[in-house]
Amino acid sequence: MRVGGKKSMTYEEAMKVSSRDETFKATVYAMNTLLIHRGIYTQEEFQGTFVEWVKKEELKKDISRPEAALT
């Protein structure tokens, strides 16, 4: 397999050239792609759960900010 005009890359090589952030993003991408393709959940279900998590985190931020209580 050629990626970006380069020869194929092994998993170990990919891990070696990736930053910690890129490794995390690639892991999430790979896991979600496999789960969606295998029918474990749909893209819509993933997106709904993602939005639900972000909303909860935003609420936590608002609660932890003292100025949020004043508005």
PDB file of N, CA and C in Angstrom:
ATOM      1  N   MET A   1       0.851  -1.192   0.000  1.00  0.00           N
ATOM      2  CA  MET A   1       0.000   0.000   0.000  1.00  0.00           C
ATOM      3  C   MET A   1       0.886   1.241   0.000  1.00  0.00           C
ATOM      4  N   ARG A   2       0.548   2.199  -0.824  1.00  0.00           N
ATOM      5  CA  ARG A   2       1.308   3.452  -0.881  1.00  0.00           C
ATOM      6  C   ARG A   2       0.491   4.551  -0.224  1.00  0.00           C
ATOM      7  N   VAL A   3       1.126   5.283   0.650  1.00  0.00           N
ATOM      8  CA  VAL A   3       0.474   6.385   1.352  1.00  0.00           C
ATOM      9  C   VAL A   3       1.229   7.666   1.027  1.00  0.00           C
ATOM     10  N   GLY A   4       0.541   8.632   0.441  1.00  0.00           N
ATOM     11  CA  GLY A   4       1.172   9.908   0.130  1.00  0.00           C
ATOM     12  C   GLY A   4       2.388   9.768  -0.768  1.00  0.00           C
ATOM     13  N   GLY A   5       2.356   8.791  -1.703  1.00  0.00           N
ATOM     14  CA  GLY A   5       3.469   8.593  -2.611  1.00  0.00           C
ATOM     15  C   GLY A   5       4.623   7.816  -1.996  1.00  0.00           C
ATOM     16  N   LYS A   6       4.496   7.378  -0.757  1.00  0.00           N
ATOM     17  CA  LYS A   6       5.558   6.633  -0.081  1.00  0.00           C
ATOM     18  C   LYS A   6       5.207   5.153  -0.048  1.00  0.00           C
ATOM     19  N   LYS A   7       6.225   4.319   0.177  1.00  0.00           N
ATOM     20  CA  LYS A   7       5.988   2.886   0.308  1.00  0.00           C
ATOM     21  C   LYS A   7       5.104   2.611   1.520  1.00  0.00           C
ATOM     22  N   SER A   8       4.646   1.387   1.637  1.00  0.00           N
ATOM     23  CA  SER A   8       3.774   1.041   2.757  1.00  0.00           C
ATOM     24  C   SER A   8       4.495   1.233   4.088  1.00  0.00           C
ATOM     25  N   MET A   9       3.724   1.360   5.137  1.00  0.00           N
ATOM     26  CA  MET A   9       4.262   1.644   6.462  1.00  0.00           C
ATOM     27  C   MET A   9       3.720   0.599   7.421  1.00  0.00           C
ATOM     28  N   THR A  10       4.573   0.099   8.281  1.00  0.00           N
ATOM     29  CA  THR A  10       4.118  -0.847   9.290  1.00  0.00           C
ATOM     30  C   THR A  10       3.506  -0.086  10.468  1.00  0.00           C
ATOM     31  N   TYR A  11       2.820  -0.828  11.297  1.00  0.00           N
ATOM     32  CA  TYR A  11       2.234  -0.234  12.504  1.00  0.00           C
ATOM     33  C   TYR A  11       3.334   0.356  13.390  1.00  0.00           C
ATOM     34  N   GLU A  12       4.425  -0.391  13.552  1.00  0.00           N
ATOM     35  CA  GLU A  12       5.534   0.076  14.382  1.00  0.00           C
ATOM     36  C   GLU A  12       6.135   1.361  13.836  1.00  0.00           C
ATOM     37  N   GLU A  13       6.294   1.443  12.501  1.00  0.00           N
ATOM     38  CA  GLU A  13       6.823   2.666  11.890  1.00  0.00           C
ATOM     39  C   GLU A  13       5.864   3.837  12.107  1.00  0.00           C
ATOM     40  N   ALA A  14       4.591   3.573  11.965  1.00  0.00           N
ATOM     41  CA  ALA A  14       3.589   4.623  12.169  1.00  0.00           C
ATOM     42  C   ALA A  14       3.633   5.132  13.609  1.00  0.00           C
ATOM     43  N   MET A  15       3.774   4.227  14.559  1.00  0.00           N
ATOM     44  CA  MET A  15       3.867   4.623  15.961  1.00  0.00           C
ATOM     45  C   MET A  15       5.123   5.459  16.206  1.00  0.00           C
ATOM     46  N   LYS A  16       6.206   5.097  15.559  1.00  0.00           N
ATOM     47  CA  LYS A  16       7.484   5.782  15.764  1.00  0.00           C
ATOM     48  C   LYS A  16       7.453   7.223  15.250  1.00  0.00           C
ATOM     49  N   VAL A  17       6.765   7.469  14.125  1.00  0.00           N
ATOM     50  CA  VAL A  17       6.778   8.810  13.532  1.00  0.00           C
ATOM     51  C   VAL A  17       5.626   9.691  14.021  1.00  0.00           C
ATOM     52  N   SER A  18       4.720   9.128  14.797  1.00  0.00           N
ATOM     53  CA  SER A  18       3.559   9.879  15.274  1.00  0.00           C
ATOM     54  C   SER A  18       3.817  10.497  16.638  1.00  0.00           C
ATOM     55  N   SER A  19       3.290  11.705  16.819  1.00  0.00           N
ATOM     56  CA  SER A  19       3.340  12.323  18.141  1.00  0.00           C
ATOM     57  C   SER A  19       2.314  11.629  19.036  1.00  0.00           C
ATOM     58  N   ARG A  20       2.366  11.920  20.301  1.00  0.00           N
ATOM     59  CA  ARG A  20       1.392  11.343  21.239  1.00  0.00           C
ATOM     60  C   ARG A  20      -0.036  11.726  20.833  1.00  0.00           C
ATOM     61  N   ASP A  21      -0.219  12.995  20.455  1.00  0.00           N
ATOM     62  CA  ASP A  21      -1.538  13.475  20.038  1.00  0.00           C
ATOM     63  C   ASP A  21      -2.001  12.774  18.759  1.00  0.00           C
ATOM     64  N   GLU A  22      -1.090  12.625  17.797  1.00  0.00           N
ATOM     65  CA  GLU A  22      -1.449  11.943  16.544  1.00  0.00           C
ATOM     66  C   GLU A  22      -1.774  10.472  16.783  1.00  0.00           C
ATOM     67  N   THR A  23      -1.031   9.844  17.685  1.00  0.00           N
ATOM     68  CA  THR A  23      -1.289   8.442  18.028  1.00  0.00           C
ATOM     69  C   THR A  23      -2.673   8.292  18.635  1.00  0.00           C
ATOM     70  N   PHE A  24      -3.028   9.193  19.534  1.00  0.00           N
ATOM     71  CA  PHE A  24      -4.358   9.150  20.147  1.00  0.00           C
ATOM     72  C   PHE A  24      -5.447   9.333  19.095  1.00  0.00           C
ATOM     73  N   LYS A  25      -5.292  10.334  18.231  1.00  0.00           N
ATOM     74  CA  LYS A  25      -6.281  10.597  17.190  1.00  0.00           C
ATOM     75  C   LYS A  25      -6.410   9.410  16.245  1.00  0.00           C
ATOM     76  N   ALA A  26      -5.274   8.811  15.873  1.00  0.00           N
ATOM     77  CA  ALA A  26      -5.304   7.657  14.975  1.00  0.00           C
ATOM     78  C   ALA A  26      -6.002   6.464  15.624  1.00  0.00           C
ATOM     79  N   THR A  27      -5.787   6.292  16.922  1.00  0.00           N
ATOM     80  CA  THR A  27      -6.431   5.194  17.651  1.00  0.00           C
ATOM     81  C   THR A  27      -7.943   5.380  17.680  1.00  0.00           C
ATOM     82  N   VAL A  28      -8.383   6.573  18.000  1.00  0.00           N
ATOM     83  CA  VAL A  28      -9.824   6.855  18.031  1.00  0.00           C
ATOM     84  C   VAL A  28     -10.423   6.659  16.641  1.00  0.00           C
ATOM     85  N   TYR A  29      -9.749   7.174  15.619  1.00  0.00           N
ATOM     86  CA  TYR A  29     -10.217   7.022  14.238  1.00  0.00           C
ATOM     87  C   TYR A  29     -10.344   5.540  13.866  1.00  0.00           C
ATOM     88  N   ALA A  30      -9.306   4.758  14.158  1.00  0.00           N
ATOM     89  CA  ALA A  30      -9.313   3.343  13.807  1.00  0.00           C
ATOM     90  C   ALA A  30     -10.425   2.592  14.541  1.00  0.00           C
ATOM     91  N   MET A  31     -10.555   2.844  15.824  1.00  0.00           N
ATOM     92  CA  MET A  31     -11.581   2.147  16.610  1.00  0.00           C
ATOM     93  C   MET A  31     -12.982   2.495  16.125  1.00  0.00           C
ATOM     94  N   ASN A  32     -13.246   3.771  15.918  1.00  0.00           N
ATOM     95  CA  ASN A  32     -14.574   4.175  15.474  1.00  0.00           C
ATOM     96  C   ASN A  32     -14.879   3.665  14.078  1.00  0.00           C
ATOM     97  N   THR A  33     -13.889   3.694  13.191  1.00  0.00           N
ATOM     98  CA  THR A  33     -14.091   3.183  11.835  1.00  0.00           C
ATOM     99  C   THR A  33     -14.447   1.704  11.867  1.00  0.00           C
ATOM    100  N   LEU A  34     -13.713   0.926  12.643  1.00  0.00           N
ATOM    101  CA  LEU A  34     -14.014  -0.507  12.749  1.00  0.00           C
ATOM    102  C   LEU A  34     -15.399  -0.747  13.336  1.00  0.00           C
ATOM    103  N   LEU A  35     -15.740  -0.029  14.387  1.00  0.00           N
ATOM    104  CA  LEU A  35     -17.043  -0.228  15.028  1.00  0.00           C
ATOM    105  C   LEU A  35     -18.191   0.147  14.100  1.00  0.00           C
ATOM    106  N   ILE A  36     -18.032   1.215  13.340  1.00  0.00           N
ATOM    107  CA  ILE A  36     -19.079   1.628  12.404  1.00  0.00           C
ATOM    108  C   ILE A  36     -19.184   0.631  11.250  1.00  0.00           C
ATOM    109  N   HIS A  37     -18.053   0.229  10.685  1.00  0.00           N
ATOM    110  CA  HIS A  37     -18.066  -0.705   9.560  1.00  0.00           C
ATOM    111  C   HIS A  37     -18.610  -2.073   9.953  1.00  0.00           C
ATOM    112  N   ARG A  38     -18.421  -2.459  11.189  1.00  0.00           N
ATOM    113  CA  ARG A  38     -18.934  -3.753  11.652  1.00  0.00           C
ATOM    114  C   ARG A  38     -20.367  -3.664  12.153  1.00  0.00           C
ATOM    115  N   GLY A  39     -20.943  -2.479  12.082  1.00  0.00           N
ATOM    116  CA  GLY A  39     -22.344  -2.320  12.455  1.00  0.00           C
ATOM    117  C   GLY A  39     -22.608  -2.289  13.945  1.00  0.00           C
ATOM    118  N   ILE A  40     -21.586  -2.049  14.736  1.00  0.00           N
ATOM    119  CA  ILE A  40     -21.770  -1.974  16.194  1.00  0.00           C
ATOM    120  C   ILE A  40     -22.581  -0.729  16.534  1.00  0.00           C
ATOM    121  N   TYR A  41     -22.280   0.361  15.861  1.00  0.00           N
ATOM    122  CA  TYR A  41     -23.100   1.562  15.951  1.00  0.00           C
ATOM    123  C   TYR A  41     -22.995   2.332  14.651  1.00  0.00           C
ATOM    124  N   THR A  42     -23.914   3.291  14.473  1.00  0.00           N
ATOM    125  CA  THR A  42     -23.937   4.083  13.246  1.00  0.00           C
ATOM    126  C   THR A  42     -23.181   5.394  13.462  1.00  0.00           C
ATOM    127  N   GLN A  43     -22.890   6.054  12.370  1.00  0.00           N
ATOM    128  CA  GLN A  43     -22.238   7.366  12.444  1.00  0.00           C
ATOM    129  C   GLN A  43     -23.109   8.327  13.246  1.00  0.00           C
ATOM    130  N   GLU A  44     -24.413   8.246  13.047  1.00  0.00           N
ATOM    131  CA  GLU A  44     -25.346   9.135  13.761  1.00  0.00           C
ATOM    132  C   GLU A  44     -25.319   8.866  15.257  1.00  0.00           C
ATOM    133  N   GLU A  45     -25.257   7.587  15.646  1.00  0.00           N
ATOM    134  CA  GLU A  45     -25.180   7.254  17.065  1.00  0.00           C
ATOM    135  C   GLU A  45     -23.880   7.767  17.670  1.00  0.00           C
ATOM    136  N   PHE A  46     -22.787   7.616  16.939  1.00  0.00           N
ATOM    137  CA  PHE A  46     -21.504   8.124  17.417  1.00  0.00           C
ATOM    138  C   PHE A  46     -21.573   9.630  17.613  1.00  0.00           C
ATOM    139  N   GLN A  47     -22.086  10.330  16.615  1.00  0.00           N
ATOM    140  CA  GLN A  47     -22.156  11.790  16.692  1.00  0.00           C
ATOM    141  C   GLN A  47     -23.052  12.239  17.833  1.00  0.00           C
ATOM    142  N   GLY A  48     -24.164  11.557  18.038  1.00  0.00           N
ATOM    143  CA  GLY A  48     -25.056  11.894  19.145  1.00  0.00           C
ATOM    144  C   GLY A  48     -24.386  11.710  20.491  1.00  0.00           C
ATOM    145  N   THR A  49     -23.655  10.626  20.646  1.00  0.00           N
ATOM    146  CA  THR A  49     -22.939  10.361  21.892  1.00  0.00           C
ATOM    147  C   THR A  49     -21.809  11.363  22.093  1.00  0.00           C
ATOM    148  N   PHE A  50     -21.139  11.727  21.017  1.00  0.00           N
ATOM    149  CA  PHE A  50     -20.075  12.732  21.072  1.00  0.00           C
ATOM    150  C   PHE A  50     -20.630  14.062  21.565  1.00  0.00           C
ATOM    151  N   VAL A  51     -21.734  14.506  20.978  1.00  0.00           N
ATOM    152  CA  VAL A  51     -22.353  15.775  21.373  1.00  0.00           C
ATOM    153  C   VAL A  51     -22.793  15.710  22.836  1.00  0.00           C
ATOM    154  N   GLU A  52     -23.354  14.583  23.247  1.00  0.00           N
ATOM    155  CA  GLU A  52     -23.787  14.400  24.632  1.00  0.00           C
ATOM    156  C   GLU A  52     -22.606  14.579  25.590  1.00  0.00           C
ATOM    157  N   TRP A  53     -21.461  13.981  25.263  1.00  0.00           N
ATOM    158  CA  TRP A  53     -20.274  14.092  26.111  1.00  0.00           C
ATOM    159  C   TRP A  53     -19.791  15.533  26.188  1.00  0.00           C
ATOM    160  N   VAL A  54     -19.723  16.214  25.050  1.00  0.00           N
ATOM    161  CA  VAL A  54     -19.248  17.602  25.026  1.00  0.00           C
ATOM    162  C   VAL A  54     -20.172  18.487  25.857  1.00  0.00           C
ATOM    163  N   LYS A  55     -21.483  18.286  25.735  1.00  0.00           N
ATOM    164  CA  LYS A  55     -22.431  19.091  26.509  1.00  0.00           C
ATOM    165  C   LYS A  55     -22.227  18.880  28.008  1.00  0.00           C
ATOM    166  N   LYS A  56     -22.004  17.630  28.435  1.00  0.00           N
ATOM    167  CA  LYS A  56     -21.745  17.346  29.845  1.00  0.00           C
ATOM    168  C   LYS A  56     -20.476  18.039  30.323  1.00  0.00           C
ATOM    169  N   GLU A  57     -19.421  17.987  29.495  1.00  0.00           N
ATOM    170  CA  GLU A  57     -18.161  18.628  29.868  1.00  0.00           C
ATOM    171  C   GLU A  57     -18.311  20.139  29.959  1.00  0.00           C
ATOM    172  N   GLU A  58     -19.057  20.726  29.052  1.00  0.00           N
ATOM    173  CA  GLU A  58     -19.303  22.174  29.088  1.00  0.00           C
ATOM    174  C   GLU A  58     -20.075  22.552  30.348  1.00  0.00           C
ATOM    175  N   LEU A  59     -21.042  21.727  30.727  1.00  0.00           N
ATOM    176  CA  LEU A  59     -21.805  21.973  31.945  1.00  0.00           C
ATOM    177  C   LEU A  59     -20.892  21.918  33.171  1.00  0.00           C
ATOM    178  N   LYS A  60     -19.983  20.941  33.192  1.00  0.00           N
ATOM    179  CA  LYS A  60     -19.027  20.848  34.303  1.00  0.00           C
ATOM    180  C   LYS A  60     -18.170  22.107  34.387  1.00  0.00           C
ATOM    181  N   LYS A  61     -17.726  22.609  33.233  1.00  0.00           N
ATOM    182  CA  LYS A  61     -16.915  23.832  33.205  1.00  0.00           C
ATOM    183  C   LYS A  61     -17.711  25.005  33.749  1.00  0.00           C
ATOM    184  N   ASP A  62     -18.975  25.115  33.327  1.00  0.00           N
ATOM    185  CA  ASP A  62     -19.818  26.220  33.785  1.00  0.00           C
ATOM    186  C   ASP A  62     -20.036  26.158  35.294  1.00  0.00           C
ATOM    187  N   ILE A  63     -20.245  24.979  35.817  1.00  0.00           N
ATOM    188  CA  ILE A  63     -20.488  24.807  37.249  1.00  0.00           C
ATOM    189  C   ILE A  63     -19.241  25.144  38.048  1.00  0.00           C
ATOM    190  N   SER A  64     -18.068  24.807  37.523  1.00  0.00           N
ATOM    191  CA  SER A  64     -16.832  25.028  38.270  1.00  0.00           C
ATOM    192  C   SER A  64     -16.351  26.484  38.212  1.00  0.00           C
ATOM    193  N   ARG A  65     -16.934  27.298  37.331  1.00  0.00           N
ATOM    194  CA  ARG A  65     -16.549  28.717  37.231  1.00  0.00           C
ATOM    195  C   ARG A  65     -17.396  29.541  38.193  1.00  0.00           C
ATOM    196  N   PRO A  66     -16.786  30.238  39.143  1.00  0.00           N
ATOM    197  CA  PRO A  66     -17.561  31.040  40.087  1.00  0.00           C
ATOM    198  C   PRO A  66     -18.399  32.115  39.392  1.00  0.00           C
ATOM    199  N   GLU A  67     -17.859  32.716  38.329  1.00  0.00           N
ATOM    200  CA  GLU A  67     -18.606  33.787  37.641  1.00  0.00           C
ATOM    201  C   GLU A  67     -19.845  33.257  36.934  1.00  0.00           C
ATOM    202  N   ALA A  68     -19.871  31.958  36.650  1.00  0.00           N
ATOM    203  CA  ALA A  68     -21.043  31.386  35.978  1.00  0.00           C
ATOM    204  C   ALA A  68     -22.269  31.439  36.871  1.00  0.00           C
ATOM    205  N   ALA A  69     -22.059  31.363  38.167  1.00  0.00           N
ATOM    206  CA  ALA A  69     -23.177  31.403  39.114  1.00  0.00           C
ATOM    207  C   ALA A  69     -23.811  32.783  39.170  1.00  0.00           C
ATOM    208  N   LEU A  70     -23.092  33.809  38.788  1.00  0.00           N
ATOM    209  CA  LEU A  70     -23.607  35.172  38.856  1.00  0.00           C
ATOM    210  C   LEU A  70     -24.458  35.565  37.651  1.00  0.00           C
ATOM    211  N   THR A  71     -24.391  34.808  36.578  1.00  0.00           N
ATOM    212  CA  THR A  71     -25.128  35.174  35.373  1.00  0.00           C
ATOM    213  C   THR A  71     -26.451  34.471  35.265  1.00  0.00           C
TER     214      THR A  71
END
